[in-house]
Amino acid sequence: MTDRTRLVDETLRQLPPVQAERFSRLLDGLSAMRRAVVAFSGGIDSAFLAVAAWLALGDQMLAVTIHSPVHIEEDDSAAATVAGHFGFPFRTVEHNDLESEHFTINPANRCYICKLARFHLLKEFAAEKGYPYLLEGSNADDLNDHRPGAKAVSELSVRSPLQEFGYTKDEIRQVSHLLGIPVWDRPPSPCLATRIPFGTPIRLADLQTVSHAEEHLRRAGYTHVRVRYQAPVARIEVQPEQVERLVRERESIVTAFKALGIRSILLDLEGYRSGKLSEEIGGQ
């Protein structure tokens, strides 16, 4: 009995019947593909998909992470950690989104432009290496959200197995916990470009400012952090229950942010909420 087989059996024994059946069908569907590349961001959805593909396909799958200046460093390290934990095939591909003027002018369909370029790159990579399928980690909950990138998935015939088999974010986290995926409880981490308002040009310096500001808050113990930035003004979002704490610690935060070149620091009193920005500005 292989380690993969044992892990599948142990997981199935712990899952309720409906979830066990869904997991079995997911693995069967992936196994039928024979060979596949998984677009692996380091987030929980793509991590679960990568592990499931490995369980179904073994070394006939390949998880590929795109390294770009629009990502926080934690994304790359999370991807490497998961791949190392399970030992599945993994590699990183370089891609600079900032080299595209269509992207950096920051139009309302920026996410579509980004996904189209990235999936073109990964489709070509998969074809060159002899993988007939490219998979990505959208889930069933995403069908109810504003996801401009979904158009690129459809246009390039990229498969979304988690969505196809009805996996919600909560169920993905539950099964990922049982599988021992290190990032099972990792907060969502969209790219840094989402912190820049539509219509404001995306510059490397501003992305670096945002990255350093958010890292300062995370090191201070804040979770689900967002620093929305339109230079020289930053707006901080943290978990609602952490807002009062941030107000108490405002002096040290103001000092740290101003050292980064941020001149004005605002606090969103409502706090961070998943999907909030989609409601406010149409899917940013």
C-alpha atoms as a PDB file:
ATOM      1  CA  MET A   1       0.000   0.000   0.000  1.00  0.00           C
ATOM      2  CA  THR A   2       1.507   3.329  -1.038  1.00  0.00           C
ATOM      3  CA  ASP A   3       1.541   6.452   1.084  1.00  0.00           C
ATOM      4  CA  ARG A   4      -0.923   8.015  -1.327  1.00  0.00           C
ATOM      5  CA  THR A   5      -3.328   5.098  -1.046  1.00  0.00           C
ATOM      6  CA  ARG A   6      -3.096   5.097   2.740  1.00  0.00           C
ATOM      7  CA  LEU A   7      -3.768   8.843   2.913  1.00  0.00           C
ATOM      8  CA  VAL A   8      -6.812   8.499   0.666  1.00  0.00           C
ATOM      9  CA  ASP A   9      -8.193   5.602   2.718  1.00  0.00           C
ATOM     10  CA  GLU A  10      -7.654   7.398   6.031  1.00  0.00           C
ATOM     11  CA  THR A  11      -9.314  10.547   4.731  1.00  0.00           C
ATOM     12  CA  LEU A  12     -12.308   8.699   3.319  1.00  0.00           C
ATOM     13  CA  ARG A  13     -12.852   6.931   6.666  1.00  0.00           C
ATOM     14  CA  GLN A  14     -13.044  10.263   8.486  1.00  0.00           C
ATOM     15  CA  LEU A  15     -15.362  12.026   6.055  1.00  0.00           C
ATOM     16  CA  PRO A  16     -19.175  11.965   6.290  1.00  0.00           C
ATOM     17  CA  PRO A  17     -20.727   9.781   3.527  1.00  0.00           C
ATOM     18  CA  VAL A  18     -21.672  12.687   1.233  1.00  0.00           C
ATOM     19  CA  GLN A  19     -18.214  14.263   1.461  1.00  0.00           C
ATOM     20  CA  ALA A  20     -16.504  10.887   1.088  1.00  0.00           C
ATOM     21  CA  GLU A  21     -18.445  10.252  -2.106  1.00  0.00           C
ATOM     22  CA  ARG A  22     -17.566  13.697  -3.478  1.00  0.00           C
ATOM     23  CA  PHE A  23     -13.889  13.177  -2.675  1.00  0.00           C
ATOM     24  CA  SER A  24     -13.894   9.787  -4.391  1.00  0.00           C
ATOM     25  CA  ARG A  25     -15.542  11.257  -7.477  1.00  0.00           C
ATOM     26  CA  LEU A  26     -13.002  14.097  -7.554  1.00  0.00           C
ATOM     27  CA  LEU A  27     -10.111  11.641  -7.438  1.00  0.00           C
ATOM     28  CA  ASP A  28     -11.713   9.454 -10.109  1.00  0.00           C
ATOM     29  CA  GLY A  29     -12.228  12.479 -12.349  1.00  0.00           C
ATOM     30  CA  LEU A  30      -8.614  13.560 -11.930  1.00  0.00           C
ATOM     31  CA  SER A  31      -7.339  10.022 -12.477  1.00  0.00           C
ATOM     32  CA  ALA A  32      -9.193   9.853 -15.805  1.00  0.00           C
ATOM     33  CA  MET A  33      -7.134  12.820 -17.053  1.00  0.00           C
ATOM     34  CA  ARG A  34      -3.934  10.702 -16.810  1.00  0.00           C
ATOM     35  CA  ARG A  35      -1.616  13.751 -16.905  1.00  0.00           C
ATOM     36  CA  ALA A  36      -2.264  17.330 -15.788  1.00  0.00           C
ATOM     37  CA  VAL A  37      -0.634  20.611 -14.789  1.00  0.00           C
ATOM     38  CA  VAL A  38      -2.123  22.401 -11.770  1.00  0.00           C
ATOM     39  CA  ALA A  39      -1.903  26.194 -11.568  1.00  0.00           C
ATOM     40  CA  PHE A  40      -0.676  26.415  -7.977  1.00  0.00           C
ATOM     41  CA  SER A  41      -0.789  29.798  -6.227  1.00  0.00           C
ATOM     42  CA  GLY A  42      -0.086  28.601  -2.698  1.00  0.00           C
ATOM     43  CA  GLY A  43      -3.639  29.405  -1.553  1.00  0.00           C
ATOM     44  CA  ILE A  44      -5.906  26.805   0.004  1.00  0.00           C
ATOM     45  CA  ASP A  45      -8.012  26.081  -3.107  1.00  0.00           C
ATOM     46  CA  SER A  46      -5.111  25.395  -5.451  1.00  0.00           C
ATOM     47  CA  ALA A  47      -3.248  23.564  -2.669  1.00  0.00           C
ATOM     48  CA  PHE A  48      -6.170  21.183  -2.166  1.00  0.00           C
ATOM     49  CA  LEU A  49      -6.442  20.676  -5.921  1.00  0.00           C
ATOM     50  CA  ALA A  50      -2.704  20.009  -6.231  1.00  0.00           C
ATOM     51  CA  VAL A  51      -2.786  17.447  -3.423  1.00  0.00           C
ATOM     52  CA  ALA A  52      -5.881  15.779  -4.889  1.00  0.00           C
ATOM     53  CA  ALA A  53      -4.212  15.628  -8.306  1.00  0.00           C
ATOM     54  CA  TRP A  54      -1.129  14.062  -6.717  1.00  0.00           C
ATOM     55  CA  LEU A  55      -3.255  11.500  -4.881  1.00  0.00           C
ATOM     56  CA  ALA A  56      -4.972  10.600  -8.145  1.00  0.00           C
ATOM     57  CA  LEU A  57      -2.072  10.856 -10.594  1.00  0.00           C
ATOM     58  CA  GLY A  58       1.160  10.557  -8.636  1.00  0.00           C
ATOM     59  CA  ASP A  59       4.126  11.832 -10.615  1.00  0.00           C
ATOM     60  CA  GLN A  60       1.934  12.289 -13.686  1.00  0.00           C
ATOM     61  CA  MET A  61       0.817  15.648 -12.283  1.00  0.00           C
ATOM     62  CA  LEU A  62       2.862  18.826 -12.040  1.00  0.00           C
ATOM     63  CA  ALA A  63       2.068  21.818  -9.832  1.00  0.00           C
ATOM     64  CA  VAL A  64       3.330  25.076 -11.333  1.00  0.00           C
ATOM     65  CA  THR A  65       3.609  28.335  -9.403  1.00  0.00           C
ATOM     66  CA  ILE A  66       3.986  31.614 -11.273  1.00  0.00           C
ATOM     67  CA  HIS A  67       6.427  33.998  -9.610  1.00  0.00           C
ATOM     68  CA  SER A  68       5.556  37.647 -10.202  1.00  0.00           C
ATOM     69  CA  PRO A  69       6.140  41.000  -8.467  1.00  0.00           C
ATOM     70  CA  VAL A  70       2.389  41.292  -7.871  1.00  0.00           C
ATOM     71  CA  HIS A  71       2.522  38.448  -5.315  1.00  0.00           C
ATOM     72  CA  ILE A  72       3.502  38.615  -1.675  1.00  0.00           C
ATOM     73  CA  GLU A  73       6.535  36.480  -0.823  1.00  0.00           C
ATOM     74  CA  GLU A  74       4.388  34.337   1.471  1.00  0.00           C
ATOM     75  CA  ASP A  75       2.555  32.945  -1.572  1.00  0.00           C
ATOM     76  CA  ASP A  76       5.702  31.398  -3.019  1.00  0.00           C
ATOM     77  CA  SER A  77       6.857  30.035   0.321  1.00  0.00           C
ATOM     78  CA  ALA A  78       3.416  28.549   1.013  1.00  0.00           C
ATOM     79  CA  ALA A  79       3.429  26.758  -2.329  1.00  0.00           C
ATOM     80  CA  ALA A  80       6.917  25.368  -1.730  1.00  0.00           C
ATOM     81  CA  THR A  81       5.942  24.256   1.781  1.00  0.00           C
ATOM     82  CA  VAL A  82       2.929  22.279   0.568  1.00  0.00           C
ATOM     83  CA  ALA A  83       4.864  20.681  -2.293  1.00  0.00           C
ATOM     84  CA  GLY A  84       7.697  19.741   0.033  1.00  0.00           C
ATOM     85  CA  HIS A  85       5.334  18.339   2.657  1.00  0.00           C
ATOM     86  CA  PHE A  86       3.753  15.869   0.214  1.00  0.00           C
ATOM     87  CA  GLY A  87       6.654  15.524  -2.202  1.00  0.00           C
ATOM     88  CA  PHE A  88       4.645  16.049  -5.369  1.00  0.00           C
ATOM     89  CA  PRO A  89       6.204  17.371  -8.621  1.00  0.00           C
ATOM     90  CA  PHE A  90       6.543  21.139  -8.433  1.00  0.00           C
ATOM     91  CA  ARG A  91       8.247  23.989 -10.246  1.00  0.00           C
ATOM     92  CA  THR A  92       8.169  27.768 -10.468  1.00  0.00           C
ATOM     93  CA  VAL A  93       7.816  29.789 -13.681  1.00  0.00           C
ATOM     94  CA  GLU A  94       8.806  33.456 -13.910  1.00  0.00           C
ATOM     95  CA  HIS A  95       6.264  35.935 -15.287  1.00  0.00           C
ATOM     96  CA  ASN A  96       6.263  39.718 -14.828  1.00  0.00           C
ATOM     97  CA  ASP A  97       2.705  41.048 -15.075  1.00  0.00           C
ATOM     98  CA  LEU A  98       4.086  44.601 -14.934  1.00  0.00           C
ATOM     99  CA  GLU A  99       5.597  44.233 -18.394  1.00  0.00           C
ATOM    100  CA  SER A 100       2.076  44.432 -19.863  1.00  0.00           C
ATOM    101  CA  GLU A 101       0.739  47.960 -20.324  1.00  0.00           C
ATOM    102  CA  HIS A 102      -2.762  46.502 -20.636  1.00  0.00           C
ATOM    103  CA  PHE A 103      -2.343  45.297 -17.046  1.00  0.00           C
ATOM    104  CA  THR A 104      -0.523  48.268 -15.516  1.00  0.00           C
ATOM    105  CA  ILE A 105      -3.070  50.859 -16.658  1.00  0.00           C
ATOM    106  CA  ASN A 106      -5.327  48.992 -14.224  1.00  0.00           C
ATOM    107  CA  PRO A 107      -8.633  48.782 -16.104  1.00  0.00           C
ATOM    108  CA  ALA A 108     -11.789  47.297 -14.581  1.00  0.00           C
ATOM    109  CA  ASN A 109     -11.074  44.005 -16.392  1.00  0.00           C
ATOM    110  CA  ARG A 110      -7.522  43.816 -15.039  1.00  0.00           C
ATOM    111  CA  CYS A 111      -8.104  40.355 -13.532  1.00  0.00           C
ATOM    112  CA  TYR A 112      -9.227  39.028 -16.902  1.00  0.00           C
ATOM    113  CA  ILE A 113      -6.131  40.456 -18.606  1.00  0.00           C
ATOM    114  CA  CYS A 114      -3.921  38.906 -15.930  1.00  0.00           C
ATOM    115  CA  LYS A 115      -5.543  35.451 -16.017  1.00  0.00           C
ATOM    116  CA  LEU A 116      -5.589  35.357 -19.816  1.00  0.00           C
ATOM    117  CA  ALA A 117      -1.844  36.011 -20.029  1.00  0.00           C
ATOM    118  CA  ARG A 118      -1.018  33.561 -17.250  1.00  0.00           C
ATOM    119  CA  PHE A 119      -3.173  30.742 -18.543  1.00  0.00           C
ATOM    120  CA  HIS A 120      -1.773  31.239 -22.055  1.00  0.00           C
ATOM    121  CA  LEU A 121       1.686  30.825 -20.542  1.00  0.00           C
ATOM    122  CA  LEU A 122       0.714  27.730 -18.556  1.00  0.00           C
ATOM    123  CA  LYS A 123      -1.208  26.147 -21.446  1.00  0.00           C
ATOM    124  CA  GLU A 124       1.861  26.484 -23.672  1.00  0.00           C
ATOM    125  CA  PHE A 125       4.059  25.119 -20.905  1.00  0.00           C
ATOM    126  CA  ALA A 126       1.738  22.143 -20.348  1.00  0.00           C
ATOM    127  CA  ALA A 127       1.581  21.355 -24.067  1.00  0.00           C
ATOM    128  CA  GLU A 128       5.374  21.502 -24.402  1.00  0.00           C
ATOM    129  CA  LYS A 129       5.775  19.063 -21.505  1.00  0.00           C
ATOM    130  CA  GLY A 130       3.103  16.672 -22.774  1.00  0.00           C
ATOM    131  CA  TYR A 131       0.317  17.438 -20.288  1.00  0.00           C
ATOM    132  CA  PRO A 132      -3.111  17.527 -21.997  1.00  0.00           C
ATOM    133  CA  TYR A 133      -4.906  19.310 -19.128  1.00  0.00           C
ATOM    134  CA  LEU A 134      -4.400  22.561 -17.251  1.00  0.00           C
ATOM    135  CA  LEU A 135      -6.324  22.768 -13.963  1.00  0.00           C
ATOM    136  CA  GLU A 136      -7.104  25.738 -11.732  1.00  0.00           C
ATOM    137  CA  GLY A 137      -8.629  26.023  -8.276  1.00  0.00           C
ATOM    138  CA  SER A 138     -11.907  27.961  -8.557  1.00  0.00           C
ATOM    139  CA  ASN A 139     -14.568  26.540  -6.230  1.00  0.00           C
ATOM    140  CA  ALA A 140     -18.372  26.428  -6.206  1.00  0.00           C
ATOM    141  CA  ASP A 141     -18.650  29.583  -4.064  1.00  0.00           C
ATOM    142  CA  ASP A 142     -16.876  31.547  -6.794  1.00  0.00           C
ATOM    143  CA  LEU A 143     -19.919  31.097  -9.038  1.00  0.00           C
ATOM    144  CA  ASN A 144     -21.760  33.553  -6.763  1.00  0.00           C
ATOM    145  CA  ASP A 145     -18.956  36.136  -6.767  1.00  0.00           C
ATOM    146  CA  HIS A 146     -17.775  38.678  -9.337  1.00  0.00           C
ATOM    147  CA  ARG A 147     -14.759  36.914 -10.908  1.00  0.00           C
ATOM    148  CA  PRO A 148     -13.577  38.610 -14.138  1.00  0.00           C
ATOM    149  CA  GLY A 149     -10.816  36.014 -14.438  1.00  0.00           C
ATOM    150  CA  ALA A 150     -13.409  33.293 -14.946  1.00  0.00           C
ATOM    151  CA  LYS A 151     -13.846  34.485 -18.528  1.00  0.00           C
ATOM    152  CA  ALA A 152     -10.212  33.608 -19.269  1.00  0.00           C
ATOM    153  CA  VAL A 153     -10.705  30.148 -17.736  1.00  0.00           C
ATOM    154  CA  SER A 154     -13.624  29.533 -20.078  1.00  0.00           C
ATOM    155  CA  GLU A 155     -11.978  30.965 -23.199  1.00  0.00           C
ATOM    156  CA  LEU A 156      -8.854  28.838 -22.817  1.00  0.00           C
ATOM    157  CA  SER A 157     -10.691  25.645 -21.792  1.00  0.00           C
ATOM    158  CA  VAL A 158      -8.909  25.445 -18.448  1.00  0.00           C
ATOM    159  CA  ARG A 159     -10.551  22.879 -16.156  1.00  0.00           C
ATOM    160  CA  SER A 160     -11.850  23.788 -12.684  1.00  0.00           C
ATOM    161  CA  PRO A 161     -12.401  20.387 -10.998  1.00  0.00           C
ATOM    162  CA  LEU A 162     -13.327  21.764  -7.573  1.00  0.00           C
ATOM    163  CA  GLN A 163     -16.094  23.809  -9.132  1.00  0.00           C
ATOM    164  CA  GLU A 164     -17.161  20.918 -11.354  1.00  0.00           C
ATOM    165  CA  PHE A 165     -17.580  18.624  -8.328  1.00  0.00           C
ATOM    166  CA  GLY A 166     -19.331  21.235  -6.189  1.00  0.00           C
ATOM    167  CA  TYR A 167     -16.636  21.948  -3.601  1.00  0.00           C
ATOM    168  CA  THR A 168     -17.299  24.996  -1.414  1.00  0.00           C
ATOM    169  CA  LYS A 169     -14.560  26.886   0.438  1.00  0.00           C
ATOM    170  CA  ASP A 170     -15.673  25.463   3.799  1.00  0.00           C
ATOM    171  CA  GLU A 171     -15.598  21.896   2.527  1.00  0.00           C
ATOM    172  CA  ILE A 172     -12.181  22.447   0.934  1.00  0.00           C
ATOM    173  CA  ARG A 173     -10.825  23.607   4.292  1.00  0.00           C
ATOM    174  CA  GLN A 174     -12.395  20.653   6.126  1.00  0.00           C
ATOM    175  CA  VAL A 175     -10.958  18.018   3.804  1.00  0.00           C
ATOM    176  CA  SER A 176      -7.628  19.844   3.594  1.00  0.00           C
ATOM    177  CA  HIS A 177      -7.370  19.711   7.388  1.00  0.00           C
ATOM    178  CA  LEU A 178      -7.871  15.947   7.338  1.00  0.00           C
ATOM    179  CA  LEU A 179      -5.276  15.587   4.585  1.00  0.00           C
ATOM    180  CA  GLY A 180      -2.763  17.563   6.638  1.00  0.00           C
ATOM    181  CA  ILE A 181      -2.305  20.334   4.090  1.00  0.00           C
ATOM    182  CA  PRO A 182      -0.211  22.968   5.912  1.00  0.00           C
ATOM    183  CA  VAL A 183      -2.160  25.937   4.509  1.00  0.00           C
ATOM    184  CA  TRP A 184      -5.633  24.547   5.270  1.00  0.00           C
ATOM    185  CA  ASP A 185      -6.506  27.601   7.403  1.00  0.00           C
ATOM    186  CA  ARG A 186      -4.510  30.211   5.507  1.00  0.00           C
ATOM    187  CA  PRO A 187      -6.465  33.467   4.934  1.00  0.00           C
ATOM    188  CA  PRO A 188      -7.277  34.495   1.340  1.00  0.00           C
ATOM    189  CA  SER A 189      -4.352  36.249  -0.349  1.00  0.00           C
ATOM    190  CA  PRO A 190      -5.277  37.937  -3.638  1.00  0.00           C
ATOM    191  CA  CYS A 191      -2.481  39.614  -5.568  1.00  0.00           C
ATOM    192  CA  LEU A 192      -1.135  42.998  -4.484  1.00  0.00           C
ATOM    193  CA  ALA A 193      -2.610  44.708  -7.543  1.00  0.00           C
ATOM    194  CA  THR A 194      -6.039  44.352  -5.914  1.00  0.00           C
ATOM    195  CA  ARG A 195      -4.960  46.957  -3.356  1.00  0.00           C
ATOM    196  CA  ILE A 196      -4.672  49.653  -6.045  1.00  0.00           C
ATOM    197  CA  PRO A 197      -7.974  51.322  -7.137  1.00  0.00           C
ATOM    198  CA  PHE A 198      -9.052  50.732 -10.728  1.00  0.00           C
ATOM    199  CA  GLY A 199      -7.758  53.452 -13.034  1.00  0.00           C
ATOM    200  CA  THR A 200      -4.705  54.160 -10.885  1.00  0.00           C
ATOM    201  CA  PRO A 201      -1.566  52.902 -12.673  1.00  0.00           C
ATOM    202  CA  ILE A 202       0.057  49.897 -11.036  1.00  0.00           C
ATOM    203  CA  ARG A 203       3.695  50.640 -10.163  1.00  0.00           C
ATOM    204  CA  LEU A 204       6.243  48.303  -8.641  1.00  0.00           C
ATOM    205  CA  ALA A 205       7.136  50.847  -5.961  1.00  0.00           C
ATOM    206  CA  ASP A 206       3.514  51.066  -4.795  1.00  0.00           C
ATOM    207  CA  LEU A 207       3.169  47.261  -4.688  1.00  0.00           C
ATOM    208  CA  GLN A 208       6.320  47.060  -2.579  1.00  0.00           C
ATOM    209  CA  THR A 209       4.956  49.723  -0.234  1.00  0.00           C
ATOM    210  CA  VAL A 210       1.738  47.758   0.209  1.00  0.00           C
ATOM    211  CA  SER A 211       3.640  44.524   0.750  1.00  0.00           C
ATOM    212  CA  HIS A 212       5.840  46.039   3.470  1.00  0.00           C
ATOM    213  CA  ALA A 213       2.874  47.732   5.164  1.00  0.00           C
ATOM    214  CA  GLU A 214       0.813  44.541   5.268  1.00  0.00           C
ATOM    215  CA  GLU A 215       3.797  42.516   6.468  1.00  0.00           C
ATOM    216  CA  HIS A 216       4.271  44.995   9.343  1.00  0.00           C
ATOM    217  CA  LEU A 217       0.658  44.469  10.413  1.00  0.00           C
ATOM    218  CA  ARG A 218       0.858  40.677  10.121  1.00  0.00           C
ATOM    219  CA  ARG A 219       4.014  40.586  12.241  1.00  0.00           C
ATOM    220  CA  ALA A 220       2.161  42.663  14.828  1.00  0.00           C
ATOM    221  CA  GLY A 221      -0.468  39.914  15.022  1.00  0.00           C
ATOM    222  CA  TYR A 222      -3.187  41.278  12.749  1.00  0.00           C
ATOM    223  CA  THR A 223      -4.955  38.795  10.451  1.00  0.00           C
ATOM    224  CA  HIS A 224      -6.839  39.120   7.155  1.00  0.00           C
ATOM    225  CA  VAL A 225      -4.983  42.376   6.528  1.00  0.00           C
ATOM    226  CA  ARG A 226      -5.523  44.667   3.544  1.00  0.00           C
ATOM    227  CA  VAL A 227      -3.808  47.993   2.884  1.00  0.00           C
ATOM    228  CA  ARG A 228      -5.660  49.766   0.055  1.00  0.00           C
ATOM    229  CA  TYR A 229      -3.251  52.239  -1.484  1.00  0.00           C
ATOM    230  CA  GLN A 230      -3.588  55.274  -3.715  1.00  0.00           C
ATOM    231  CA  ALA A 231      -0.331  57.113  -3.112  1.00  0.00           C
ATOM    232  CA  PRO A 232       0.179  58.857  -0.814  1.00  0.00           C
ATOM    233  CA  VAL A 233      -2.960  57.639   1.029  1.00  0.00           C
ATOM    234  CA  ALA A 234      -3.406  54.181   2.580  1.00  0.00           C
ATOM    235  CA  ARG A 235      -6.599  52.674   4.029  1.00  0.00           C
ATOM    236  CA  ILE A 236      -6.191  49.822   6.476  1.00  0.00           C
ATOM    237  CA  GLU A 237      -8.622  46.931   6.821  1.00  0.00           C
ATOM    238  CA  VAL A 238      -8.275  44.355   9.599  1.00  0.00           C
ATOM    239  CA  GLN A 239     -10.676  41.904  11.204  1.00  0.00           C
ATOM    240  CA  PRO A 240     -13.589  43.815  12.834  1.00  0.00           C
ATOM    241  CA  GLU A 241     -12.644  42.488  16.280  1.00  0.00           C
ATOM    242  CA  GLN A 242      -9.121  43.893  15.832  1.00  0.00           C
ATOM    243  CA  VAL A 243     -10.160  47.440  14.895  1.00  0.00           C
ATOM    244  CA  GLU A 244     -10.153  48.745  18.482  1.00  0.00           C
ATOM    245  CA  ARG A 245      -6.714  47.261  19.083  1.00  0.00           C
ATOM    246  CA  LEU A 246      -5.362  48.978  15.965  1.00  0.00           C
ATOM    247  CA  VAL A 247      -6.724  52.309  17.183  1.00  0.00           C
ATOM    248  CA  ARG A 248      -4.899  51.810  20.483  1.00  0.00           C
ATOM    249  CA  GLU A 249      -1.676  51.027  18.634  1.00  0.00           C
ATOM    250  CA  ARG A 250      -2.093  53.720  15.995  1.00  0.00           C
ATOM    251  CA  GLU A 251       1.022  55.682  16.939  1.00  0.00           C
ATOM    252  CA  SER A 252       3.449  52.838  16.218  1.00  0.00           C
ATOM    253  CA  ILE A 253       1.577  51.950  13.025  1.00  0.00           C
ATOM    254  CA  VAL A 254       1.596  55.546  11.788  1.00  0.00           C
ATOM    255  CA  THR A 255       5.339  55.723  12.453  1.00  0.00           C
ATOM    256  CA  ALA A 256       5.999  52.489  10.541  1.00  0.00           C
ATOM    257  CA  PHE A 257       3.778  53.464   7.608  1.00  0.00           C
ATOM    258  CA  LYS A 258       5.268  56.941   7.268  1.00  0.00           C
ATOM    259  CA  ALA A 259       8.716  55.391   7.168  1.00  0.00           C
ATOM    260  CA  LEU A 260       7.482  53.599   4.025  1.00  0.00           C
ATOM    261  CA  GLY A 261       6.527  56.913   2.414  1.00  0.00           C
ATOM    262  CA  ILE A 262       2.804  56.729   3.197  1.00  0.00           C
ATOM    263  CA  ARG A 263       1.712  60.257   4.118  1.00  0.00           C
ATOM    264  CA  SER A 264      -1.901  59.695   5.138  1.00  0.00           C
ATOM    265  CA  ILE A 265      -3.220  56.615   6.958  1.00  0.00           C
ATOM    266  CA  LEU A 266      -6.933  55.874   7.184  1.00  0.00           C
ATOM    267  CA  LEU A 267      -8.713  53.073   9.056  1.00  0.00           C
ATOM    268  CA  ASP A 268     -11.810  51.322   7.733  1.00  0.00           C
ATOM    269  CA  LEU A 269     -13.939  51.135  10.880  1.00  0.00           C
ATOM    270  CA  GLU A 270     -16.128  48.450   9.361  1.00  0.00           C
ATOM    271  CA  GLY A 271     -13.109  46.182   9.048  1.00  0.00           C
ATOM    272  CA  TYR A 272     -12.175  43.471   6.577  1.00  0.00           C
ATOM    273  CA  ARG A 273     -14.882  41.206   5.176  1.00  0.00           C
ATOM    274  CA  SER A 274     -14.480  38.687   2.370  1.00  0.00           C
ATOM    275  CA  GLY A 275     -16.193  39.917  -0.791  1.00  0.00           C
ATOM    276  CA  LYS A 276     -16.485  43.465   0.529  1.00  0.00           C
ATOM    277  CA  LEU A 277     -14.427  45.034  -2.207  1.00  0.00           C
ATOM    278  CA  SER A 278     -16.427  43.244  -4.895  1.00  0.00           C
ATOM    279  CA  GLU A 279     -19.521  44.947  -3.518  1.00  0.00           C
ATOM    280  CA  GLU A 280     -17.831  48.338  -3.399  1.00  0.00           C
ATOM    281  CA  ILE A 281     -16.030  48.515  -6.717  1.00  0.00           C
ATOM    282  CA  GLY A 282     -17.251  45.680  -8.903  1.00  0.00           C
ATOM    283  CA  GLY A 283     -14.807  42.900  -8.176  1.00  0.00           C
ATOM    284  CA  GLN A 284     -11.508  44.619  -7.403  1.00  0.00           C
END
